[in-house]
């Protein structure tokens, strides 16, 4: 199962990098979001996908699952969502002010 999730992480990173290298500001924002989701999936699979009882039950279970990766991922999801919201507002505001989302025009390097 870890191999399948690792392949999915690679696909997400590849798609995110492809979108980040585009000229459109909206594609760059979506690419950073996809890379963030790939990083979250990578954090989940790094310690290994474990199966076991929750550590809160206190029963006589043979193995317990580690709650630390889930706690880190929940925190990272909130941070990723806030960053994505900020980037979307920034992209919308720059589009309304400048009338374009083309990165070359925003940098001023493209001749009109």
Protein backbone atom coordinates (compact mmCIF):
# COMPACT_ATOMS: atom_id res chain seq x y z
CA UNK A 1 0.00 0.00 0.00
CA UNK A 2 2.90 2.36 0.73
CA UNK A 3 4.19 1.92 -2.81
CA UNK A 4 0.85 2.96 -4.28
CA UNK A 5 0.66 6.03 -2.06
CA UNK A 6 4.28 6.90 -2.88
CA UNK A 7 3.45 6.78 -6.59
CA UNK A 8 0.47 9.04 -5.94
CA UNK A 9 2.74 11.48 -4.07
CA UNK A 10 5.07 11.55 -7.07
CA UNK A 11 2.17 12.21 -9.42
CA UNK A 12 0.90 15.05 -7.22
CA UNK A 13 4.35 16.65 -7.04
CA UNK A 14 4.78 16.32 -10.81
CA UNK A 15 1.39 17.87 -11.56
CA UNK A 16 2.00 20.63 -9.03
CA UNK A 17 5.40 21.50 -10.48
CA UNK A 18 3.92 21.53 -13.98
CA UNK A 19 1.26 24.01 -12.87
CA UNK A 20 3.73 26.17 -10.92
CA UNK A 21 5.86 26.63 -14.03
CA UNK A 22 2.89 27.96 -16.04
CA UNK A 23 2.41 31.62 -16.97
CA UNK A 24 -1.03 32.05 -15.40
CA UNK A 25 -1.19 33.20 -11.80
CA UNK A 26 -4.22 31.01 -11.06
CA UNK A 27 -2.37 27.91 -12.26
CA UNK A 28 0.53 28.80 -9.99
CA UNK A 29 -1.82 29.03 -7.02
CA UNK A 30 -3.44 25.69 -7.86
CA UNK A 31 0.00 24.14 -8.34
CA UNK A 32 1.10 25.20 -4.86
CA UNK A 33 -2.09 23.71 -3.44
CA UNK A 34 -1.46 20.40 -5.20
CA UNK A 35 2.15 20.35 -3.98
CA UNK A 36 0.83 21.00 -0.46
CA UNK A 37 -1.51 18.03 -0.71
CA UNK A 38 1.35 15.87 -1.96
CA UNK A 39 3.45 16.95 1.01
CA UNK A 40 0.63 16.03 3.39
CA UNK A 41 0.35 12.60 1.83
CA UNK A 42 4.11 12.22 2.09
CA UNK A 43 4.00 13.07 5.80
CA UNK A 44 1.30 10.46 6.29
CA UNK A 45 3.21 7.64 4.57
CA UNK A 46 6.72 8.42 5.87
CA UNK A 47 6.36 6.54 9.19
CA UNK A 48 4.56 3.72 7.40
CA UNK A 49 0.88 2.95 7.20
CA UNK A 50 0.17 1.23 10.50
CA UNK A 51 -2.95 -0.54 11.58
CA UNK A 52 -3.90 -0.87 15.19
CA UNK A 53 -6.17 0.31 17.92
CA UNK A 54 -6.41 3.97 18.90
CA UNK A 55 -4.13 4.68 21.86
CA UNK A 56 -7.00 6.21 23.86
CA UNK A 57 -8.94 2.98 24.40
CA UNK A 58 -6.47 1.50 26.87
CA UNK A 59 -7.69 -2.00 26.14
CA UNK A 60 -5.60 -5.08 25.71
CA UNK A 61 -4.67 -4.45 22.07
CA UNK A 62 -1.56 -5.93 20.53
CA UNK A 63 -0.56 -2.82 18.54
CA UNK A 64 -1.46 0.84 18.67
CA UNK A 65 -1.47 3.42 15.91
CA UNK A 66 0.71 6.51 16.22
CA UNK A 67 -1.42 9.69 16.58
CA UNK A 68 1.44 12.12 15.88
CA UNK A 69 1.32 12.02 12.03
CA UNK A 70 -2.43 12.65 12.08
CA UNK A 71 -2.01 15.61 14.44
CA UNK A 72 0.74 17.09 12.28
CA UNK A 73 -1.32 16.63 9.14
CA UNK A 74 -4.40 18.28 10.66
CA UNK A 75 -2.28 21.29 11.57
CA UNK A 76 -0.71 21.36 8.11
CA UNK A 77 -4.15 21.17 6.44
CA UNK A 78 -5.26 24.30 8.29
CA UNK A 79 -2.05 26.13 7.35
CA UNK A 80 -2.33 24.96 3.73
CA UNK A 81 -5.95 26.15 3.56
CA UNK A 82 -5.07 29.59 4.97
CA UNK A 83 -2.14 29.96 2.56
CA UNK A 84 -4.33 28.92 -0.36
CA UNK A 85 -6.98 31.46 0.63
CA UNK A 86 -4.35 34.19 0.88
CA UNK A 87 -2.90 33.32 -2.53
CA UNK A 88 -6.36 33.30 -4.13
CA UNK A 89 -7.22 36.70 -2.68
CA UNK A 90 -3.84 38.05 -3.80
CA UNK A 91 -4.33 36.68 -7.32
CA UNK A 92 -7.87 38.09 -7.53
CA UNK A 93 -6.75 41.50 -6.30
CA UNK A 94 -3.85 41.66 -8.74
CA UNK A 95 -6.17 40.64 -11.59
CA UNK A 96 -8.68 43.36 -10.66
CA UNK A 97 -5.97 46.04 -10.33
CA UNK A 98 -3.78 45.13 -13.30
CA UNK A 99 -6.26 43.42 -15.62
CA UNK A 100 -4.14 40.35 -16.31
CA UNK A 101 -2.90 37.20 -14.65
CA UNK A 102 -0.03 36.57 -17.08
CA UNK A 103 3.21 36.45 -15.12
CA UNK A 104 5.30 37.97 -17.91
CA UNK A 105 3.01 40.99 -18.07
CA UNK A 106 2.98 41.30 -14.30
CA UNK A 107 6.79 41.29 -14.25
CA UNK A 108 6.89 43.83 -17.08
CA UNK A 109 9.19 41.68 -19.23
CA UNK A 110 6.80 41.10 -22.14
CA UNK A 111 6.73 43.73 -24.87
CA UNK A 112 3.28 45.03 -25.73
